[in-house]
Amino acid sequence: MNITYYGHSCFGVEVNGKNLLFDPFITPNELAKNIDATIVKADYILISHGHEDHIADAISIAKRTNALVICNYEIYVWLKNKGVENIHPMNTGGKKAFDFGSVKCVKAEHSSSMPDGTYGGNPMGFVIESTDKNFYYAGDTALTYDMKLIGNYRKIDFAFLPIGDNFTMGVDNAIICCKDFINCGDVIGMHYDTFGYIKINQEEAKHKFSVQGKKLTLLEIGETISK
């Protein structure tokens, strides 16, 4: 799998030849000013919740690429009203097979409203299972005991976890998540440094993971790695 970081919580992941794009927030992000959202690839767009810092470029990219948008029902209705046509609504607990693999929607403890203030439905995380590897994209969430269900019933090869604290869990809770709940020692950090509220000490964060025998990868914006 090739993984490209577009800033904040936005990642492109190539799975079995298909491009999955998570929570597209590029154009308004000053840290991602060197990323051209008009050329970002997407066959699928997965939206965890309705906050602007996770959905800002979803409409434009969806219309340009005709990617299938996977989101909750409330976001589905909102996007339909904005002229997006290729959408698949899901909700927490649901699982669906697609041509790249399957998507399982799991609980995220957060809030959700759309950029215009309308109700955004339940926030979600996603467990992606494929013939290549399986991974967990947590979205914006607190540490919750429900995460143990992921570790108990699924093999997770790597996970995208928020580490910026303040609005989501921070580094210490992310370590508990990977060590004690989801049983995954390979974490890619997200939702940090974009705003003043979520600034972190990156070296300290990586050290904390390391002393627990876990790996924290913090990508440069625009960087691509393989898993």
C-alpha atoms as a PDB file:
ATOM      1  CA  MET A   1       0.000   0.000   0.000  1.00  0.00           C
ATOM      2  CA  ASN A   2       1.173   3.508  -0.824  1.00  0.00           C
ATOM      3  CA  ILE A   3       0.185   6.214   1.671  1.00  0.00           C
ATOM      4  CA  THR A   4       0.375   9.931   0.884  1.00  0.00           C
ATOM      5  CA  TYR A   5      -0.109  12.598   3.532  1.00  0.00           C
ATOM      6  CA  TYR A   6      -1.987  15.738   2.478  1.00  0.00           C
ATOM      7  CA  GLY A   7      -1.964  17.405   5.899  1.00  0.00           C
ATOM      8  CA  HIS A   8      -4.034  17.373   9.092  1.00  0.00           C
ATOM      9  CA  SER A   9      -6.084  14.131   8.882  1.00  0.00           C
ATOM     10  CA  CYS A  10      -6.142  13.826   5.095  1.00  0.00           C
ATOM     11  CA  PHE A  11      -4.446  10.770   3.613  1.00  0.00           C
ATOM     12  CA  GLY A  12      -4.508   9.039   0.288  1.00  0.00           C
ATOM     13  CA  VAL A  13      -4.138   5.263   0.528  1.00  0.00           C
ATOM     14  CA  GLU A  14      -3.759   3.036  -2.527  1.00  0.00           C
ATOM     15  CA  VAL A  15      -5.502  -0.268  -1.856  1.00  0.00           C
ATOM     16  CA  ASN A  16      -5.562  -2.976  -4.530  1.00  0.00           C
ATOM     17  CA  GLY A  17      -5.146  -0.395  -7.275  1.00  0.00           C
ATOM     18  CA  LYS A  18      -7.832   1.956  -5.968  1.00  0.00           C
ATOM     19  CA  ASN A  19      -7.174   5.375  -4.439  1.00  0.00           C
ATOM     20  CA  LEU A  20      -8.902   5.982  -1.111  1.00  0.00           C
ATOM     21  CA  LEU A  21      -8.917   9.578   0.131  1.00  0.00           C
ATOM     22  CA  PHE A  22      -9.727  10.237   3.787  1.00  0.00           C
ATOM     23  CA  ASP A  23     -11.167  13.488   5.184  1.00  0.00           C
ATOM     24  CA  PRO A  24     -10.075  15.946   2.473  1.00  0.00           C
ATOM     25  CA  PHE A  25      -9.002  19.217   4.101  1.00  0.00           C
ATOM     26  CA  ILE A  26      -6.319  20.697   1.856  1.00  0.00           C
ATOM     27  CA  THR A  27      -7.155  24.077   0.326  1.00  0.00           C
ATOM     28  CA  PRO A  28      -7.877  25.946   3.616  1.00  0.00           C
ATOM     29  CA  ASN A  29      -4.879  24.359   5.377  1.00  0.00           C
ATOM     30  CA  GLU A  30      -1.960  26.803   5.318  1.00  0.00           C
ATOM     31  CA  LEU A  31       0.444  23.972   6.106  1.00  0.00           C
ATOM     32  CA  ALA A  32      -0.651  22.209   2.903  1.00  0.00           C
ATOM     33  CA  LYS A  33      -0.170  25.213   0.620  1.00  0.00           C
ATOM     34  CA  ASN A  34       2.148  23.217  -1.649  1.00  0.00           C
ATOM     35  CA  ILE A  35      -0.514  20.561  -2.282  1.00  0.00           C
ATOM     36  CA  ASP A  36      -2.689  21.096  -5.351  1.00  0.00           C
ATOM     37  CA  ALA A  37      -6.096  19.695  -4.459  1.00  0.00           C
ATOM     38  CA  THR A  38      -7.154  19.817  -8.118  1.00  0.00           C
ATOM     39  CA  ILE A  39      -4.836  16.927  -8.987  1.00  0.00           C
ATOM     40  CA  VAL A  40      -5.296  14.727  -5.912  1.00  0.00           C
ATOM     41  CA  LYS A  41      -6.426  11.250  -6.967  1.00  0.00           C
ATOM     42  CA  ALA A  42      -9.540   9.612  -5.562  1.00  0.00           C
ATOM     43  CA  ASP A  43     -11.648   6.613  -6.503  1.00  0.00           C
ATOM     44  CA  TYR A  44     -13.262   6.680  -3.054  1.00  0.00           C
ATOM     45  CA  ILE A  45     -13.594   9.501  -0.536  1.00  0.00           C
ATOM     46  CA  LEU A  46     -14.214   8.475   3.073  1.00  0.00           C
ATOM     47  CA  ILE A  47     -15.527  11.157   5.415  1.00  0.00           C
ATOM     48  CA  SER A  48     -15.437  10.486   9.147  1.00  0.00           C
ATOM     49  CA  HIS A  49     -17.579  13.458  10.212  1.00  0.00           C
ATOM     50  CA  GLY A  50     -18.838  16.835   9.080  1.00  0.00           C
ATOM     51  CA  HIS A  51     -16.396  19.358  10.540  1.00  0.00           C
ATOM     52  CA  GLU A  52     -14.811  21.650   7.965  1.00  0.00           C
ATOM     53  CA  ASP A  53     -11.298  20.432   8.739  1.00  0.00           C
ATOM     54  CA  HIS A  54     -12.360  17.009   7.418  1.00  0.00           C
ATOM     55  CA  ILE A  55     -14.677  17.880   4.541  1.00  0.00           C
ATOM     56  CA  ALA A  56     -13.529  21.207   3.061  1.00  0.00           C
ATOM     57  CA  ASP A  57     -12.430  19.811  -0.321  1.00  0.00           C
ATOM     58  CA  ALA A  58     -14.820  16.872  -0.468  1.00  0.00           C
ATOM     59  CA  ILE A  59     -17.345  18.464  -2.833  1.00  0.00           C
ATOM     60  CA  SER A  60     -14.818  19.757  -5.355  1.00  0.00           C
ATOM     61  CA  ILE A  61     -12.783  16.538  -5.425  1.00  0.00           C
ATOM     62  CA  ALA A  62     -15.893  14.354  -5.592  1.00  0.00           C
ATOM     63  CA  LYS A  63     -17.292  16.286  -8.539  1.00  0.00           C
ATOM     64  CA  ARG A  64     -13.952  16.339 -10.374  1.00  0.00           C
ATOM     65  CA  THR A  65     -13.131  12.647  -9.925  1.00  0.00           C
ATOM     66  CA  ASN A  66     -16.623  11.147  -9.607  1.00  0.00           C
ATOM     67  CA  ALA A  67     -15.196   9.206  -6.656  1.00  0.00           C
ATOM     68  CA  LEU A  68     -17.683   7.276  -4.556  1.00  0.00           C
ATOM     69  CA  VAL A  69     -18.106   9.134  -1.269  1.00  0.00           C
ATOM     70  CA  ILE A  70     -18.552   6.934   1.804  1.00  0.00           C
ATOM     71  CA  CYS A  71     -20.051   8.753   4.776  1.00  0.00           C
ATOM     72  CA  ASN A  72     -22.905   8.701   7.266  1.00  0.00           C
ATOM     73  CA  TYR A  73     -26.499   9.334   6.201  1.00  0.00           C
ATOM     74  CA  GLU A  74     -26.654  12.959   7.343  1.00  0.00           C
ATOM     75  CA  ILE A  75     -23.529  13.859   5.366  1.00  0.00           C
ATOM     76  CA  TYR A  76     -24.972  11.908   2.433  1.00  0.00           C
ATOM     77  CA  VAL A  77     -28.060  14.151   2.445  1.00  0.00           C
ATOM     78  CA  TRP A  78     -25.940  17.308   2.798  1.00  0.00           C
ATOM     79  CA  LEU A  79     -23.685  16.333  -0.117  1.00  0.00           C
ATOM     80  CA  LYS A  80     -26.687  15.428  -2.275  1.00  0.00           C
ATOM     81  CA  ASN A  81     -28.040  18.923  -1.702  1.00  0.00           C
ATOM     82  CA  LYS A  82     -24.653  20.294  -2.821  1.00  0.00           C
ATOM     83  CA  GLY A  83     -24.854  18.423  -6.118  1.00  0.00           C
ATOM     84  CA  VAL A  84     -22.667  15.420  -5.328  1.00  0.00           C
ATOM     85  CA  GLU A  85     -24.259  12.336  -6.888  1.00  0.00           C
ATOM     86  CA  ASN A  86     -21.973   9.342  -6.309  1.00  0.00           C
ATOM     87  CA  ILE A  87     -22.412   8.635  -2.590  1.00  0.00           C
ATOM     88  CA  HIS A  88     -22.799   5.532  -0.450  1.00  0.00           C
ATOM     89  CA  PRO A  89     -24.345   6.194   2.999  1.00  0.00           C
ATOM     90  CA  MET A  90     -23.319   4.065   5.984  1.00  0.00           C
ATOM     91  CA  ASN A  91     -23.474   4.308   9.761  1.00  0.00           C
ATOM     92  CA  THR A  92     -21.788   3.020  12.882  1.00  0.00           C
ATOM     93  CA  GLY A  93     -21.638  -0.778  13.008  1.00  0.00           C
ATOM     94  CA  GLY A  94     -22.228  -1.236   9.296  1.00  0.00           C
ATOM     95  CA  LYS A  95     -19.889  -3.100   6.957  1.00  0.00           C
ATOM     96  CA  LYS A  96     -19.849  -3.084   3.158  1.00  0.00           C
ATOM     97  CA  ALA A  97     -17.706  -4.778   0.517  1.00  0.00           C
ATOM     98  CA  PHE A  98     -16.268  -2.683  -2.311  1.00  0.00           C
ATOM     99  CA  ASP A  99     -13.912  -3.597  -5.150  1.00  0.00           C
ATOM    100  CA  PHE A 100     -10.795  -2.771  -3.106  1.00  0.00           C
ATOM    101  CA  GLY A 101     -11.891  -4.570   0.070  1.00  0.00           C
ATOM    102  CA  SER A 102     -14.378  -3.819   2.837  1.00  0.00           C
ATOM    103  CA  VAL A 103     -15.242  -0.870   5.049  1.00  0.00           C
ATOM    104  CA  LYS A 104     -16.445  -1.364   8.618  1.00  0.00           C
ATOM    105  CA  CYS A 105     -17.779   1.768  10.325  1.00  0.00           C
ATOM    106  CA  VAL A 106     -16.830   1.974  13.992  1.00  0.00           C
ATOM    107  CA  LYS A 107     -17.577   4.349  16.819  1.00  0.00           C
ATOM    108  CA  ALA A 108     -15.725   7.647  17.192  1.00  0.00           C
ATOM    109  CA  GLU A 109     -16.393   9.686  20.326  1.00  0.00           C
ATOM    110  CA  HIS A 110     -16.546  13.252  19.052  1.00  0.00           C
ATOM    111  CA  SER A 111     -19.068  15.767  17.692  1.00  0.00           C
ATOM    112  CA  SER A 112     -20.191  16.415  14.128  1.00  0.00           C
ATOM    113  CA  SER A 113     -21.731  19.395  12.397  1.00  0.00           C
ATOM    114  CA  MET A 114     -21.507  20.566   8.813  1.00  0.00           C
ATOM    115  CA  PRO A 115     -19.663  23.759   7.785  1.00  0.00           C
ATOM    116  CA  ASP A 116     -23.017  25.574   7.543  1.00  0.00           C
ATOM    117  CA  GLY A 117     -23.988  24.499  11.074  1.00  0.00           C
ATOM    118  CA  THR A 118     -26.464  21.775  10.162  1.00  0.00           C
ATOM    119  CA  TYR A 119     -26.435  18.448  11.981  1.00  0.00           C
ATOM    120  CA  GLY A 120     -23.633  16.145  10.843  1.00  0.00           C
ATOM    121  CA  GLY A 121     -24.796  12.802  12.257  1.00  0.00           C
ATOM    122  CA  ASN A 122     -22.639  10.339  14.165  1.00  0.00           C
ATOM    123  CA  PRO A 123     -18.858  10.674  13.783  1.00  0.00           C
ATOM    124  CA  MET A 124     -17.211   7.438  12.692  1.00  0.00           C
ATOM    125  CA  GLY A 125     -13.920   5.670  12.237  1.00  0.00           C
ATOM    126  CA  PHE A 126     -13.215   3.119   9.514  1.00  0.00           C
ATOM    127  CA  VAL A 127     -11.634  -0.329   9.531  1.00  0.00           C
ATOM    128  CA  ILE A 128     -10.421  -1.171   6.031  1.00  0.00           C
ATOM    129  CA  GLU A 129      -9.837  -4.848   5.298  1.00  0.00           C
ATOM    130  CA  SER A 130      -8.292  -6.048   2.051  1.00  0.00           C
ATOM    131  CA  THR A 131      -6.315  -8.890   0.534  1.00  0.00           C
ATOM    132  CA  ASP A 132      -3.235  -6.707   1.028  1.00  0.00           C
ATOM    133  CA  LYS A 133      -3.362  -5.286   4.570  1.00  0.00           C
ATOM    134  CA  ASN A 134      -5.913  -4.126   7.119  1.00  0.00           C
ATOM    135  CA  PHE A 135      -5.861  -0.719   8.760  1.00  0.00           C
ATOM    136  CA  TYR A 136      -7.864   1.457  11.129  1.00  0.00           C
ATOM    137  CA  TYR A 137      -8.584   5.114  10.400  1.00  0.00           C
ATOM    138  CA  ALA A 138      -9.868   6.447  13.713  1.00  0.00           C
ATOM    139  CA  GLY A 139     -11.146   9.860  12.620  1.00  0.00           C
ATOM    140  CA  ASP A 140     -11.514  12.412  15.404  1.00  0.00           C
ATOM    141  CA  THR A 141     -12.084  10.545  18.632  1.00  0.00           C
ATOM    142  CA  ALA A 142     -11.422  10.235  22.314  1.00  0.00           C
ATOM    143  CA  LEU A 143      -9.995   7.008  23.664  1.00  0.00           C
ATOM    144  CA  THR A 144     -12.967   4.680  24.098  1.00  0.00           C
ATOM    145  CA  TYR A 145     -13.292   1.146  25.419  1.00  0.00           C
ATOM    146  CA  ASP A 146     -15.118   0.245  22.204  1.00  0.00           C
ATOM    147  CA  MET A 147     -11.717   0.232  20.495  1.00  0.00           C
ATOM    148  CA  LYS A 148     -11.017  -3.088  22.215  1.00  0.00           C
ATOM    149  CA  LEU A 149     -13.635  -4.651  19.935  1.00  0.00           C
ATOM    150  CA  ILE A 150     -11.411  -3.787  16.973  1.00  0.00           C
ATOM    151  CA  GLY A 151      -8.390  -5.449  18.558  1.00  0.00           C
ATOM    152  CA  ASN A 152     -10.379  -8.477  19.691  1.00  0.00           C
ATOM    153  CA  TYR A 153     -12.007  -9.295  16.378  1.00  0.00           C
ATOM    154  CA  ARG A 154      -9.753  -7.889  13.670  1.00  0.00           C
ATOM    155  CA  LYS A 155      -6.090  -8.003  12.714  1.00  0.00           C
ATOM    156  CA  ILE A 156      -4.876  -4.439  12.247  1.00  0.00           C
ATOM    157  CA  ASP A 157      -1.564  -3.976  10.412  1.00  0.00           C
ATOM    158  CA  PHE A 158      -1.354  -0.220  11.001  1.00  0.00           C
ATOM    159  CA  ALA A 159      -3.556   2.588  12.291  1.00  0.00           C
ATOM    160  CA  PHE A 160      -4.130   6.284  11.710  1.00  0.00           C
ATOM    161  CA  LEU A 161      -4.698   7.828  15.142  1.00  0.00           C
ATOM    162  CA  PRO A 162      -5.248  11.448  16.233  1.00  0.00           C
ATOM    163  CA  ILE A 163      -2.532  12.628  18.623  1.00  0.00           C
ATOM    164  CA  GLY A 164      -3.041  16.394  18.930  1.00  0.00           C
ATOM    165  CA  ASP A 165      -5.049  16.345  22.175  1.00  0.00           C
ATOM    166  CA  ASN A 166      -7.507  19.173  23.062  1.00  0.00           C
ATOM    167  CA  PHE A 167     -10.167  18.137  20.484  1.00  0.00           C
ATOM    168  CA  THR A 168      -9.232  14.433  20.344  1.00  0.00           C
ATOM    169  CA  MET A 169      -7.109  11.978  22.264  1.00  0.00           C
ATOM    170  CA  GLY A 170      -3.475  12.937  22.653  1.00  0.00           C
ATOM    171  CA  VAL A 171      -0.237  10.987  22.499  1.00  0.00           C
ATOM    172  CA  ASP A 172      -0.630   9.197  25.838  1.00  0.00           C
ATOM    173  CA  ASN A 173      -4.129   7.971  25.046  1.00  0.00           C
ATOM    174  CA  ALA A 174      -3.068   6.965  21.535  1.00  0.00           C
ATOM    175  CA  ILE A 175      -0.395   4.754  23.100  1.00  0.00           C
ATOM    176  CA  ILE A 176      -3.029   3.088  25.283  1.00  0.00           C
ATOM    177  CA  CYS A 177      -5.184   2.630  22.196  1.00  0.00           C
ATOM    178  CA  CYS A 178      -2.506   0.866  20.168  1.00  0.00           C
ATOM    179  CA  LYS A 179      -0.933  -1.040  23.076  1.00  0.00           C
ATOM    180  CA  ASP A 180      -3.941  -2.223  25.052  1.00  0.00           C
ATOM    181  CA  PHE A 181      -6.988  -1.885  22.799  1.00  0.00           C
ATOM    182  CA  ILE A 182      -6.403  -2.391  19.064  1.00  0.00           C
ATOM    183  CA  ASN A 183      -3.222  -4.488  19.419  1.00  0.00           C
ATOM    184  CA  CYS A 184      -1.355  -2.592  16.720  1.00  0.00           C
ATOM    185  CA  GLY A 185       2.204  -1.391  17.122  1.00  0.00           C
ATOM    186  CA  ASP A 186       2.441   0.664  13.919  1.00  0.00           C
ATOM    187  CA  VAL A 187       0.761   4.079  14.139  1.00  0.00           C
ATOM    188  CA  ILE A 188       0.616   7.009  11.738  1.00  0.00           C
ATOM    189  CA  GLY A 189      -0.200  10.214  13.588  1.00  0.00           C
ATOM    190  CA  MET A 190      -2.812  12.708  12.452  1.00  0.00           C
ATOM    191  CA  HIS A 191      -4.773  15.740  13.668  1.00  0.00           C
ATOM    192  CA  TYR A 192      -1.786  17.564  15.154  1.00  0.00           C
ATOM    193  CA  ASP A 193       0.124  20.855  14.574  1.00  0.00           C
ATOM    194  CA  THR A 194      -2.434  22.317  12.130  1.00  0.00           C
ATOM    195  CA  PHE A 195      -3.767  24.802  14.680  1.00  0.00           C
ATOM    196  CA  GLY A 196      -2.360  26.313  17.834  1.00  0.00           C
ATOM    197  CA  TYR A 197      -4.656  24.208  20.002  1.00  0.00           C
ATOM    198  CA  ILE A 198      -3.121  20.965  18.769  1.00  0.00           C
ATOM    199  CA  LYS A 199       0.598  21.705  18.574  1.00  0.00           C
ATOM    200  CA  ILE A 200       2.741  18.850  19.826  1.00  0.00           C
ATOM    201  CA  ASN A 201       6.409  18.079  20.486  1.00  0.00           C
ATOM    202  CA  GLN A 202       7.012  15.591  17.690  1.00  0.00           C
ATOM    203  CA  GLU A 203      10.241  14.129  19.003  1.00  0.00           C
ATOM    204  CA  GLU A 204       8.774  13.658  22.467  1.00  0.00           C
ATOM    205  CA  ALA A 205       5.735  11.954  20.946  1.00  0.00           C
ATOM    206  CA  LYS A 206       7.850   9.507  18.948  1.00  0.00           C
ATOM    207  CA  HIS A 207      10.002   8.800  22.016  1.00  0.00           C
ATOM    208  CA  LYS A 208       6.943   8.008  24.143  1.00  0.00           C
ATOM    209  CA  PHE A 209       5.794   5.463  21.577  1.00  0.00           C
ATOM    210  CA  SER A 210       9.278   4.003  21.253  1.00  0.00           C
ATOM    211  CA  VAL A 211       9.749   3.322  24.962  1.00  0.00           C
ATOM    212  CA  GLN A 212       6.492   1.350  24.863  1.00  0.00           C
ATOM    213  CA  GLY A 213       7.800  -0.736  21.977  1.00  0.00           C
ATOM    214  CA  LYS A 214       5.515   0.970  19.458  1.00  0.00           C
ATOM    215  CA  LYS A 215       6.238   2.940  16.291  1.00  0.00           C
ATOM    216  CA  LEU A 216       4.838   6.414  15.599  1.00  0.00           C
ATOM    217  CA  THR A 217       5.310   7.769  12.082  1.00  0.00           C
ATOM    218  CA  LEU A 218       4.804  11.498  11.519  1.00  0.00           C
ATOM    219  CA  LEU A 219       4.801  12.213   7.800  1.00  0.00           C
ATOM    220  CA  GLU A 220       5.799  15.415   6.057  1.00  0.00           C
ATOM    221  CA  ILE A 221       2.957  16.932   4.067  1.00  0.00           C
ATOM    222  CA  GLY A 222       3.239  15.610   0.533  1.00  0.00           C
ATOM    223  CA  GLU A 223       5.317  12.600   1.608  1.00  0.00           C
ATOM    224  CA  THR A 224       4.479   9.120   0.335  1.00  0.00           C
ATOM    225  CA  ILE A 225       5.466   5.891   2.078  1.00  0.00           C
ATOM    226  CA  SER A 226       4.766   2.227   1.428  1.00  0.00           C
ATOM    227  CA  LYS A 227       3.332  -0.310   3.851  1.00  0.00           C
END
